[in-house]
């Protein structure tokens, strides 16, 4: 089993944290994809996603999801 260092995650994912988040989200996607299927991977989903990220075979896009300057709508009515 190959050990994946935080340095590898930082090189491929921008930072250690971001690399781990990318790998975790891809592992979740694999898990959901193969949940109801009879097909299985040879490795665990987390190992597969870390391998793909460290090899550079994982395509991803980072999207800024910050809230805009607009005030968020509340689902609760204002108390007057």
N, C-alpha and C. Protein backbone atom coordinates (compact mmCIF):
# COMPACT_ATOMS: atom_id res chain seq x y z
N UNK A 1 0.85 -1.18 0.00
CA UNK A 1 0.00 0.00 0.00
C UNK A 1 0.89 1.24 0.00
N UNK A 2 0.59 2.16 -0.85
CA UNK A 2 1.37 3.39 -0.96
C UNK A 2 0.89 4.40 0.08
N UNK A 3 1.84 5.04 0.73
CA UNK A 3 1.50 6.10 1.67
C UNK A 3 1.46 7.43 0.93
N UNK A 4 0.44 8.20 1.18
CA UNK A 4 0.30 9.52 0.56
C UNK A 4 0.61 10.57 1.62
N UNK A 5 1.60 11.39 1.34
CA UNK A 5 2.02 12.40 2.31
C UNK A 5 1.24 13.68 2.09
N UNK A 6 1.15 14.50 3.13
CA UNK A 6 0.51 15.81 2.97
C UNK A 6 1.22 16.68 1.93
N UNK A 7 2.53 16.46 1.76
CA UNK A 7 3.27 17.23 0.76
C UNK A 7 2.77 16.92 -0.66
N UNK A 8 2.48 15.65 -0.93
CA UNK A 8 1.92 15.27 -2.23
C UNK A 8 0.57 15.93 -2.46
N UNK A 9 -0.25 15.95 -1.42
CA UNK A 9 -1.57 16.57 -1.53
C UNK A 9 -1.45 18.06 -1.80
N UNK A 10 -0.46 18.70 -1.18
CA UNK A 10 -0.25 20.13 -1.38
C UNK A 10 0.22 20.42 -2.80
N UNK A 11 1.05 19.54 -3.35
CA UNK A 11 1.56 19.75 -4.71
C UNK A 11 0.44 19.63 -5.75
N UNK A 12 -0.43 18.68 -5.56
CA UNK A 12 -1.48 18.43 -6.56
C UNK A 12 -2.77 19.19 -6.30
N UNK A 13 -3.03 19.55 -5.04
CA UNK A 13 -4.31 20.16 -4.72
C UNK A 13 -4.24 21.62 -4.34
N UNK A 14 -3.06 22.22 -4.35
CA UNK A 14 -2.94 23.63 -3.99
C UNK A 14 -2.50 23.82 -2.55
N UNK A 15 -3.08 23.08 -1.64
CA UNK A 15 -2.67 23.09 -0.23
C UNK A 15 -2.99 21.71 0.35
N UNK A 16 -2.46 21.44 1.53
CA UNK A 16 -2.72 20.13 2.15
C UNK A 16 -4.22 19.93 2.37
N UNK A 17 -4.85 20.97 2.91
CA UNK A 17 -6.28 20.89 3.21
C UNK A 17 -7.09 20.70 1.93
N UNK A 18 -6.80 21.50 0.93
CA UNK A 18 -7.55 21.44 -0.31
C UNK A 18 -7.37 20.10 -1.01
N UNK A 19 -6.16 19.56 -0.98
CA UNK A 19 -5.91 18.25 -1.57
C UNK A 19 -6.72 17.16 -0.89
N UNK A 20 -6.79 17.22 0.43
CA UNK A 20 -7.58 16.22 1.17
C UNK A 20 -9.07 16.37 0.89
N UNK A 21 -9.54 17.60 0.78
CA UNK A 21 -10.96 17.82 0.48
C UNK A 21 -11.30 17.31 -0.92
N UNK A 22 -10.43 17.56 -1.88
CA UNK A 22 -10.66 17.10 -3.25
C UNK A 22 -10.72 15.57 -3.29
N UNK A 23 -9.77 14.92 -2.62
CA UNK A 23 -9.76 13.46 -2.59
C UNK A 23 -10.99 12.91 -1.87
N UNK A 24 -11.40 13.56 -0.79
CA UNK A 24 -12.57 13.09 -0.04
C UNK A 24 -13.85 13.23 -0.86
N UNK A 25 -13.98 14.33 -1.58
CA UNK A 25 -15.18 14.52 -2.40
C UNK A 25 -15.23 13.51 -3.55
N UNK A 26 -14.07 13.20 -4.11
CA UNK A 26 -14.04 12.21 -5.18
C UNK A 26 -14.35 10.81 -4.62
N UNK A 27 -13.86 10.51 -3.43
CA UNK A 27 -14.17 9.23 -2.80
C UNK A 27 -15.66 9.11 -2.53
N UNK A 28 -16.29 10.19 -2.10
CA UNK A 28 -17.74 10.18 -1.87
C UNK A 28 -18.49 9.95 -3.18
N UNK A 29 -18.00 10.57 -4.25
CA UNK A 29 -18.62 10.38 -5.56
C UNK A 29 -18.51 8.92 -6.01
N UNK A 30 -17.34 8.31 -5.81
CA UNK A 30 -17.17 6.90 -6.15
C UNK A 30 -18.10 6.02 -5.32
N UNK A 31 -18.20 6.33 -4.03
CA UNK A 31 -19.06 5.55 -3.15
C UNK A 31 -20.51 5.60 -3.62
N UNK A 32 -20.98 6.79 -3.96
CA UNK A 32 -22.37 6.93 -4.43
C UNK A 32 -22.58 6.24 -5.78
N UNK A 33 -21.55 6.26 -6.62
CA UNK A 33 -21.66 5.66 -7.94
C UNK A 33 -21.75 4.14 -7.86
N UNK A 34 -20.99 3.53 -6.97
CA UNK A 34 -20.94 2.08 -6.89
C UNK A 34 -21.85 1.49 -5.81
N UNK A 35 -22.62 2.32 -5.13
CA UNK A 35 -23.46 1.85 -4.03
C UNK A 35 -24.48 0.80 -4.48
N UNK A 36 -25.23 1.11 -5.51
CA UNK A 36 -26.30 0.21 -5.97
C UNK A 36 -25.85 -0.71 -7.10
N UNK A 37 -24.60 -0.66 -7.44
CA UNK A 37 -24.08 -1.43 -8.55
C UNK A 37 -23.49 -2.75 -8.05
N UNK A 38 -23.38 -3.69 -8.96
CA UNK A 38 -22.72 -4.95 -8.60
C UNK A 38 -21.23 -4.90 -8.90
N UNK A 39 -20.78 -3.80 -9.52
CA UNK A 39 -19.35 -3.64 -9.82
C UNK A 39 -18.64 -3.08 -8.59
N UNK A 40 -17.42 -3.50 -8.40
CA UNK A 40 -16.63 -3.00 -7.29
C UNK A 40 -15.23 -2.67 -7.79
N UNK A 41 -14.56 -1.77 -7.09
CA UNK A 41 -13.18 -1.44 -7.39
C UNK A 41 -12.26 -2.41 -6.65
N UNK A 42 -11.02 -2.52 -7.11
CA UNK A 42 -10.05 -3.38 -6.44
C UNK A 42 -9.57 -2.78 -5.13
N UNK A 43 -9.64 -1.46 -5.02
CA UNK A 43 -9.16 -0.75 -3.83
C UNK A 43 -10.33 -0.08 -3.13
N UNK A 44 -10.06 0.40 -1.94
CA UNK A 44 -11.06 1.19 -1.24
C UNK A 44 -11.20 2.53 -1.97
N UNK A 45 -12.33 3.17 -1.78
CA UNK A 45 -12.61 4.42 -2.50
C UNK A 45 -11.64 5.53 -2.12
N UNK A 46 -11.29 5.62 -0.84
CA UNK A 46 -10.35 6.66 -0.41
C UNK A 46 -8.97 6.43 -1.00
N UNK A 47 -8.54 5.18 -1.04
CA UNK A 47 -7.23 4.86 -1.62
C UNK A 47 -7.22 5.17 -3.10
N UNK A 48 -8.29 4.83 -3.79
CA UNK A 48 -8.39 5.11 -5.23
C UNK A 48 -8.34 6.61 -5.50
N UNK A 49 -9.05 7.39 -4.71
CA UNK A 49 -9.07 8.84 -4.94
C UNK A 49 -7.72 9.47 -4.61
N UNK A 50 -7.05 9.02 -3.54
CA UNK A 50 -5.72 9.55 -3.22
C UNK A 50 -4.71 9.17 -4.29
N UNK A 51 -4.79 7.95 -4.81
CA UNK A 51 -3.90 7.52 -5.89
C UNK A 51 -4.08 8.40 -7.12
N UNK A 52 -5.33 8.62 -7.51
CA UNK A 52 -5.59 9.43 -8.70
C UNK A 52 -5.11 10.87 -8.52
N UNK A 53 -5.31 11.43 -7.33
CA UNK A 53 -4.88 12.80 -7.09
C UNK A 53 -3.36 12.90 -7.11
N UNK A 54 -2.66 11.96 -6.47
CA UNK A 54 -1.20 12.03 -6.42
C UNK A 54 -0.57 11.77 -7.78
N UNK A 55 -1.23 10.98 -8.63
CA UNK A 55 -0.72 10.73 -9.98
C UNK A 55 -1.05 11.87 -10.94
N UNK A 56 -1.97 12.74 -10.56
CA UNK A 56 -2.37 13.84 -11.42
C UNK A 56 -3.45 13.45 -12.41
N UNK A 57 -4.13 12.34 -12.18
CA UNK A 57 -5.18 11.86 -13.09
C UNK A 57 -6.58 12.30 -12.68
N UNK A 58 -6.67 13.16 -11.70
CA UNK A 58 -7.97 13.59 -11.20
C UNK A 58 -8.21 15.03 -11.65
N UNK A 59 -9.21 15.23 -12.48
CA UNK A 59 -9.56 16.58 -12.94
C UNK A 59 -10.57 17.18 -11.98
N UNK A 60 -10.33 18.40 -11.56
CA UNK A 60 -11.24 19.07 -10.64
C UNK A 60 -11.23 20.56 -10.92
N UNK A 61 -12.27 21.22 -10.45
CA UNK A 61 -12.39 22.67 -10.59
C UNK A 61 -12.81 23.23 -9.25
N UNK A 62 -12.12 24.27 -8.82
CA UNK A 62 -12.44 24.91 -7.55
C UNK A 62 -13.37 26.08 -7.83
N UNK A 63 -14.53 26.04 -7.21
CA UNK A 63 -15.55 27.06 -7.43
C UNK A 63 -15.70 27.86 -6.14
N UNK A 64 -15.66 29.18 -6.26
CA UNK A 64 -15.83 30.04 -5.10
C UNK A 64 -17.31 30.06 -4.74
N UNK A 65 -17.63 29.65 -3.53
CA UNK A 65 -19.03 29.56 -3.12
C UNK A 65 -19.36 30.56 -2.02
N UNK A 66 -18.64 31.62 -1.94
CA UNK A 66 -18.90 32.62 -0.91
C UNK A 66 -20.22 33.32 -1.19
N UNK A 67 -20.84 33.76 -0.12
CA UNK A 67 -22.11 34.48 -0.27
C UNK A 67 -21.83 35.86 -0.86
N UNK A 68 -22.74 36.33 -1.63
CA UNK A 68 -22.60 37.66 -2.20
C UNK A 68 -22.93 38.70 -1.14
N UNK A 69 -22.81 39.95 -1.51
CA UNK A 69 -23.05 41.04 -0.58
C UNK A 69 -24.54 41.18 -0.24
N UNK A 70 -25.40 40.52 -1.01
CA UNK A 70 -26.83 40.60 -0.75
C UNK A 70 -27.16 39.93 0.57
N UNK A 71 -28.20 40.43 1.20
CA UNK A 71 -28.65 39.83 2.44
C UNK A 71 -29.36 38.51 2.12
N UNK A 72 -29.00 37.49 2.84
CA UNK A 72 -29.61 36.18 2.60
C UNK A 72 -31.07 36.19 3.05
N UNK A 73 -31.92 35.54 2.28
CA UNK A 73 -33.33 35.44 2.65
C UNK A 73 -33.48 34.45 3.79
N UNK A 74 -34.33 34.78 4.70
CA UNK A 74 -34.59 33.89 5.83
C UNK A 74 -35.83 33.07 5.54
N UNK A 75 -35.81 31.84 5.96
CA UNK A 75 -37.00 31.01 5.79
C UNK A 75 -37.97 31.20 6.94
N UNK A 76 -37.52 31.92 7.96
CA UNK A 76 -38.36 32.19 9.12
C UNK A 76 -38.95 33.59 9.00
N UNK A 77 -40.22 33.77 9.33
CA UNK A 77 -40.82 35.11 9.24
C UNK A 77 -40.22 36.03 10.30
N UNK A 78 -40.12 37.31 9.95
CA UNK A 78 -39.61 38.30 10.91
C UNK A 78 -40.61 38.51 12.03
N UNK A 79 -40.08 38.62 13.22
CA UNK A 79 -40.95 38.91 14.37
C UNK A 79 -41.12 40.41 14.46
N UNK A 80 -42.34 40.85 14.46
CA UNK A 80 -42.60 42.29 14.49
C UNK A 80 -43.12 42.73 15.83
